[in-house]
Amino acid sequence: MAVPKRKTSKARRDKRRANWKISVPGIVSCEKCGEAKLSHRVCKKCGFYGNREVLKIEED
């Protein structure tokens, strides 16, 4: 069985772990109302996805 010959230093260990980070979500503007929304999702303000109305949004 493979066993490390020396202790891995904190710097070497942390360099390896440095690439585990959260990426920024893809935020785009809605084609109908211009509101910021996540890509490939229904707009929460107007209820449209592309050119189709998916949700009925009742305005107060």
C-alpha atoms as a PDB file:
ATOM      1  CA  MET A   1       0.000   0.000   0.000  1.00  0.00           C
ATOM      2  CA  ALA A   2       1.300   3.474  -0.869  1.00  0.00           C
ATOM      3  CA  VAL A   3       2.186   5.560   2.174  1.00  0.00           C
ATOM      4  CA  PRO A   4       3.516   9.155   2.067  1.00  0.00           C
ATOM      5  CA  LYS A   5       7.203   9.387   2.957  1.00  0.00           C
ATOM      6  CA  ARG A   6       6.897  12.914   4.385  1.00  0.00           C
ATOM      7  CA  LYS A   7       4.139  15.024   5.905  1.00  0.00           C
ATOM      8  CA  THR A   8       2.346  17.207   3.352  1.00  0.00           C
ATOM      9  CA  SER A   9       2.896  20.855   4.296  1.00  0.00           C
ATOM     10  CA  LYS A  10      -0.044  23.208   4.853  1.00  0.00           C
ATOM     11  CA  ALA A  11       1.022  25.340   1.886  1.00  0.00           C
ATOM     12  CA  ARG A  12       1.100  22.370  -0.498  1.00  0.00           C
ATOM     13  CA  ARG A  13      -2.210  21.069   0.833  1.00  0.00           C
ATOM     14  CA  ASP A  14      -3.903  24.478   0.518  1.00  0.00           C
ATOM     15  CA  LYS A  15      -2.586  25.022  -3.026  1.00  0.00           C
ATOM     16  CA  ARG A  16      -4.332  21.834  -4.051  1.00  0.00           C
ATOM     17  CA  ARG A  17      -7.592  22.931  -2.405  1.00  0.00           C
ATOM     18  CA  ALA A  18      -7.496  26.453  -3.879  1.00  0.00           C
ATOM     19  CA  ASN A  19      -9.527  25.519  -6.980  1.00  0.00           C
ATOM     20  CA  TRP A  20     -12.642  24.412  -5.074  1.00  0.00           C
ATOM     21  CA  LYS A  21     -14.694  27.561  -5.319  1.00  0.00           C
ATOM     22  CA  ILE A  22     -18.256  28.520  -6.136  1.00  0.00           C
ATOM     23  CA  SER A  23     -18.880  29.947  -9.587  1.00  0.00           C
ATOM     24  CA  VAL A  24     -21.044  33.022 -10.196  1.00  0.00           C
ATOM     25  CA  PRO A  25     -24.599  32.190 -11.370  1.00  0.00           C
ATOM     26  CA  GLY A  26     -25.517  33.196 -14.929  1.00  0.00           C
ATOM     27  CA  ILE A  27     -27.664  36.297 -14.530  1.00  0.00           C
ATOM     28  CA  VAL A  28     -29.281  37.705 -17.680  1.00  0.00           C
ATOM     29  CA  SER A  29     -31.987  40.281 -18.360  1.00  0.00           C
ATOM     30  CA  CYS A  30     -35.514  39.171 -19.239  1.00  0.00           C
ATOM     31  CA  GLU A  31     -36.410  39.667 -22.902  1.00  0.00           C
ATOM     32  CA  LYS A  32     -39.939  40.894 -22.066  1.00  0.00           C
ATOM     33  CA  CYS A  33     -39.572  43.136 -19.005  1.00  0.00           C
ATOM     34  CA  GLY A  34     -35.797  43.637 -18.684  1.00  0.00           C
ATOM     35  CA  GLU A  35     -35.674  42.361 -15.090  1.00  0.00           C
ATOM     36  CA  ALA A  36     -32.540  40.463 -13.980  1.00  0.00           C
ATOM     37  CA  LYS A  37     -33.138  36.699 -13.805  1.00  0.00           C
ATOM     38  CA  LEU A  38     -31.232  33.433 -13.795  1.00  0.00           C
ATOM     39  CA  SER A  39     -30.640  32.002 -17.263  1.00  0.00           C
ATOM     40  CA  HIS A  40     -32.859  29.095 -18.423  1.00  0.00           C
ATOM     41  CA  ARG A  41     -35.510  29.941 -15.820  1.00  0.00           C
ATOM     42  CA  VAL A  42     -38.913  31.628 -15.803  1.00  0.00           C
ATOM     43  CA  CYS A  43     -38.901  35.347 -15.021  1.00  0.00           C
ATOM     44  CA  LYS A  44     -40.425  35.927 -11.575  1.00  0.00           C
ATOM     45  CA  LYS A  45     -41.675  39.389 -12.460  1.00  0.00           C
ATOM     46  CA  CYS A  46     -43.567  38.796 -15.729  1.00  0.00           C
ATOM     47  CA  GLY A  47     -43.858  34.955 -15.808  1.00  0.00           C
ATOM     48  CA  PHE A  48     -42.401  34.545 -19.308  1.00  0.00           C
ATOM     49  CA  TYR A  49     -39.846  31.978 -20.451  1.00  0.00           C
ATOM     50  CA  GLY A  50     -38.593  33.030 -23.864  1.00  0.00           C
ATOM     51  CA  ASN A  51     -41.702  34.026 -25.839  1.00  0.00           C
ATOM     52  CA  ARG A  52     -44.194  31.901 -23.855  1.00  0.00           C
ATOM     53  CA  GLU A  53     -46.140  32.908 -20.761  1.00  0.00           C
ATOM     54  CA  VAL A  54     -45.570  30.089 -18.297  1.00  0.00           C
ATOM     55  CA  LEU A  55     -46.851  31.653 -15.067  1.00  0.00           C
ATOM     56  CA  LYS A  56     -49.787  33.964 -14.489  1.00  0.00           C
ATOM     57  CA  ILE A  57     -48.447  36.842 -12.402  1.00  0.00           C
ATOM     58  CA  GLU A  58     -51.159  38.909 -10.726  1.00  0.00           C
ATOM     59  CA  GLU A  59     -50.071  42.480 -10.075  1.00  0.00           C
ATOM     60  CA  ASP A  60     -51.372  44.246  -6.976  1.00  0.00           C
END
